[in-house]
Amino acid sequence: MTRRAWLARHALGLWFLGIAALGFLRWWMKAVRDGGSLHAPDAILWLAGSIAMAAIGLLALWRSR
């Protein structure tokens, strides 16, 4: 299988994993800012959303194999 065919086949899963990575980065930025408030509601929402996007992305990759 060529690289282009592999990317086309797994594009949706990779897209969701990319969104999850950006969400984890945003969560980390919020967590370490202002003395590390890990329990702030917006930080918790970023983390929960990132975990959900990562799960959806992994599921999409698994189903496309």
N, C-alpha and C. Protein backbone atom coordinates (compact mmCIF):
# COMPACT_ATOMS: atom_id res chain seq x y z
N MET A 1 0.85 -1.18 0.00
CA MET A 1 0.00 0.00 0.00
C MET A 1 0.90 1.24 0.00
N THR A 2 0.55 2.18 -0.84
CA THR A 2 1.35 3.40 -0.92
C THR A 2 1.03 4.32 0.26
N ARG A 3 1.92 5.25 0.45
CA ARG A 3 1.74 6.20 1.56
C ARG A 3 0.47 7.03 1.37
N ARG A 4 0.19 7.44 0.15
CA ARG A 4 -0.99 8.25 -0.11
C ARG A 4 -2.28 7.48 0.18
N ALA A 5 -2.30 6.21 -0.22
CA ALA A 5 -3.49 5.39 0.05
C ALA A 5 -3.66 5.18 1.56
N TRP A 6 -2.55 4.99 2.28
CA TRP A 6 -2.62 4.81 3.73
C TRP A 6 -3.17 6.06 4.40
N LEU A 7 -2.68 7.23 3.97
CA LEU A 7 -3.17 8.49 4.55
C LEU A 7 -4.65 8.71 4.24
N ALA A 8 -5.06 8.42 3.03
CA ALA A 8 -6.47 8.59 2.66
C ALA A 8 -7.36 7.65 3.46
N ARG A 9 -6.87 6.48 3.72
CA ARG A 9 -7.66 5.48 4.44
C ARG A 9 -7.82 5.83 5.92
N HIS A 10 -6.81 6.46 6.49
CA HIS A 10 -6.80 6.75 7.92
C HIS A 10 -6.97 8.23 8.24
N ALA A 11 -7.41 9.02 7.27
CA ALA A 11 -7.45 10.48 7.44
C ALA A 11 -8.34 10.93 8.59
N LEU A 12 -9.52 10.37 8.72
CA LEU A 12 -10.43 10.82 9.77
C LEU A 12 -9.87 10.53 11.16
N GLY A 13 -9.33 9.33 11.35
CA GLY A 13 -8.74 9.00 12.65
C GLY A 13 -7.56 9.88 12.99
N LEU A 14 -6.72 10.16 12.00
CA LEU A 14 -5.56 11.03 12.24
C LEU A 14 -6.01 12.46 12.53
N TRP A 15 -7.08 12.90 11.88
CA TRP A 15 -7.60 14.24 12.12
C TRP A 15 -8.08 14.36 13.57
N PHE A 16 -8.85 13.36 14.04
CA PHE A 16 -9.32 13.39 15.43
C PHE A 16 -8.16 13.34 16.41
N LEU A 17 -7.13 12.56 16.11
CA LEU A 17 -5.96 12.51 17.00
C LEU A 17 -5.22 13.84 17.01
N GLY A 18 -5.18 14.52 15.88
CA GLY A 18 -4.57 15.86 15.84
C GLY A 18 -5.34 16.86 16.68
N ILE A 19 -6.66 16.81 16.60
CA ILE A 19 -7.50 17.69 17.43
C ILE A 19 -7.28 17.37 18.91
N ALA A 20 -7.17 16.08 19.24
CA ALA A 20 -6.92 15.69 20.62
C ALA A 20 -5.57 16.21 21.10
N ALA A 21 -4.56 16.13 20.24
CA ALA A 21 -3.22 16.63 20.62
C ALA A 21 -3.27 18.14 20.90
N LEU A 22 -3.99 18.88 20.07
CA LEU A 22 -4.13 20.33 20.32
C LEU A 22 -4.89 20.59 21.61
N GLY A 23 -5.89 19.78 21.90
CA GLY A 23 -6.64 19.93 23.15
C GLY A 23 -5.78 19.63 24.37
N PHE A 24 -4.95 18.58 24.27
CA PHE A 24 -4.04 18.27 25.38
C PHE A 24 -3.04 19.40 25.59
N LEU A 25 -2.57 19.99 24.49
CA LEU A 25 -1.64 21.12 24.60
C LEU A 25 -2.33 22.30 25.28
N ARG A 26 -3.56 22.58 24.90
CA ARG A 26 -4.31 23.68 25.52
C ARG A 26 -4.56 23.41 27.01
N TRP A 27 -4.89 22.15 27.33
CA TRP A 27 -5.09 21.79 28.73
C TRP A 27 -3.80 22.01 29.52
N TRP A 28 -2.68 21.60 28.96
CA TRP A 28 -1.39 21.75 29.65
C TRP A 28 -1.07 23.23 29.85
N MET A 29 -1.36 24.05 28.83
CA MET A 29 -1.10 25.49 28.97
C MET A 29 -1.96 26.09 30.07
N LYS A 30 -3.22 25.68 30.16
CA LYS A 30 -4.09 26.19 31.22
C LYS A 30 -3.68 25.65 32.59
N ALA A 31 -3.20 24.41 32.65
CA ALA A 31 -2.85 23.78 33.91
C ALA A 31 -1.61 24.42 34.54
N VAL A 32 -0.62 24.77 33.74
CA VAL A 32 0.61 25.30 34.31
C VAL A 32 0.58 26.82 34.48
N ARG A 33 -0.38 27.48 33.84
CA ARG A 33 -0.51 28.92 34.00
C ARG A 33 -1.14 29.23 35.36
N ASP A 34 -0.82 30.32 35.92
CA ASP A 34 -1.40 30.79 37.19
C ASP A 34 -1.19 29.81 38.34
N GLY A 35 -0.03 29.26 38.43
CA GLY A 35 0.30 28.41 39.57
C GLY A 35 -0.21 26.99 39.49
N GLY A 36 -0.59 26.56 38.34
CA GLY A 36 -0.96 25.15 38.18
C GLY A 36 -2.32 24.79 38.72
N SER A 37 -3.37 25.45 38.24
CA SER A 37 -4.72 25.13 38.70
C SER A 37 -5.28 23.99 37.85
N LEU A 38 -5.01 22.76 38.25
CA LEU A 38 -5.48 21.59 37.50
C LEU A 38 -6.98 21.37 37.66
N HIS A 39 -7.58 21.94 38.68
CA HIS A 39 -8.99 21.68 38.95
C HIS A 39 -9.90 22.81 38.49
N ALA A 40 -9.39 23.70 37.66
CA ALA A 40 -10.24 24.75 37.10
C ALA A 40 -11.22 24.12 36.12
N PRO A 41 -12.46 24.59 36.12
CA PRO A 41 -13.48 23.96 35.26
C PRO A 41 -13.12 23.96 33.78
N ASP A 42 -12.55 25.05 33.28
CA ASP A 42 -12.21 25.08 31.86
C ASP A 42 -11.07 24.13 31.53
N ALA A 43 -10.12 23.94 32.46
CA ALA A 43 -9.04 22.98 32.23
C ALA A 43 -9.58 21.55 32.22
N ILE A 44 -10.52 21.27 33.10
CA ILE A 44 -11.13 19.94 33.14
C ILE A 44 -11.89 19.66 31.84
N LEU A 45 -12.59 20.67 31.32
CA LEU A 45 -13.32 20.49 30.06
C LEU A 45 -12.38 20.25 28.89
N TRP A 46 -11.25 20.97 28.87
CA TRP A 46 -10.27 20.73 27.81
C TRP A 46 -9.72 19.31 27.89
N LEU A 47 -9.45 18.85 29.09
CA LEU A 47 -8.92 17.50 29.26
C LEU A 47 -9.96 16.45 28.86
N ALA A 48 -11.19 16.61 29.29
CA ALA A 48 -12.25 15.65 28.95
C ALA A 48 -12.50 15.62 27.45
N GLY A 49 -12.53 16.77 26.82
CA GLY A 49 -12.73 16.82 25.38
C GLY A 49 -11.57 16.18 24.62
N SER A 50 -10.37 16.38 25.11
CA SER A 50 -9.20 15.79 24.46
C SER A 50 -9.21 14.27 24.58
N ILE A 51 -9.59 13.79 25.74
CA ILE A 51 -9.67 12.33 25.92
C ILE A 51 -10.74 11.74 25.01
N ALA A 52 -11.87 12.43 24.89
CA ALA A 52 -12.94 11.95 24.01
C ALA A 52 -12.49 11.95 22.55
N MET A 53 -11.82 13.02 22.11
CA MET A 53 -11.34 13.08 20.72
C MET A 53 -10.29 12.01 20.45
N ALA A 54 -9.43 11.74 21.43
CA ALA A 54 -8.42 10.70 21.26
C ALA A 54 -9.08 9.33 21.15
N ALA A 55 -10.10 9.09 21.95
CA ALA A 55 -10.81 7.81 21.89
C ALA A 55 -11.51 7.64 20.55
N ILE A 56 -12.14 8.70 20.06
CA ILE A 56 -12.81 8.64 18.76
C ILE A 56 -11.79 8.42 17.65
N GLY A 57 -10.65 9.10 17.73
CA GLY A 57 -9.62 8.94 16.72
C GLY A 57 -9.04 7.54 16.70
N LEU A 58 -8.79 6.98 17.87
CA LEU A 58 -8.28 5.61 17.92
C LEU A 58 -9.30 4.61 17.41
N LEU A 59 -10.56 4.84 17.73
CA LEU A 59 -11.62 3.97 17.22
C LEU A 59 -11.72 4.05 15.70
N ALA A 60 -11.62 5.26 15.16
CA ALA A 60 -11.68 5.43 13.70
C ALA A 60 -10.49 4.76 13.03
N LEU A 61 -9.30 4.87 13.63
CA LEU A 61 -8.13 4.20 13.06
C LEU A 61 -8.28 2.69 13.12
N TRP A 62 -8.81 2.20 14.22
CA TRP A 62 -8.98 0.76 14.37
C TRP A 62 -9.99 0.22 13.36
N ARG A 63 -11.06 0.97 13.14
CA ARG A 63 -12.10 0.51 12.20
C ARG A 63 -11.64 0.60 10.75
N SER A 64 -10.68 1.46 10.45
CA SER A 64 -10.25 1.64 9.06
C SER A 64 -9.13 0.69 8.65
N ARG A 65 -8.71 -0.17 9.53
CA ARG A 65 -7.60 -1.07 9.16
C ARG A 65 -8.04 -2.20 8.31
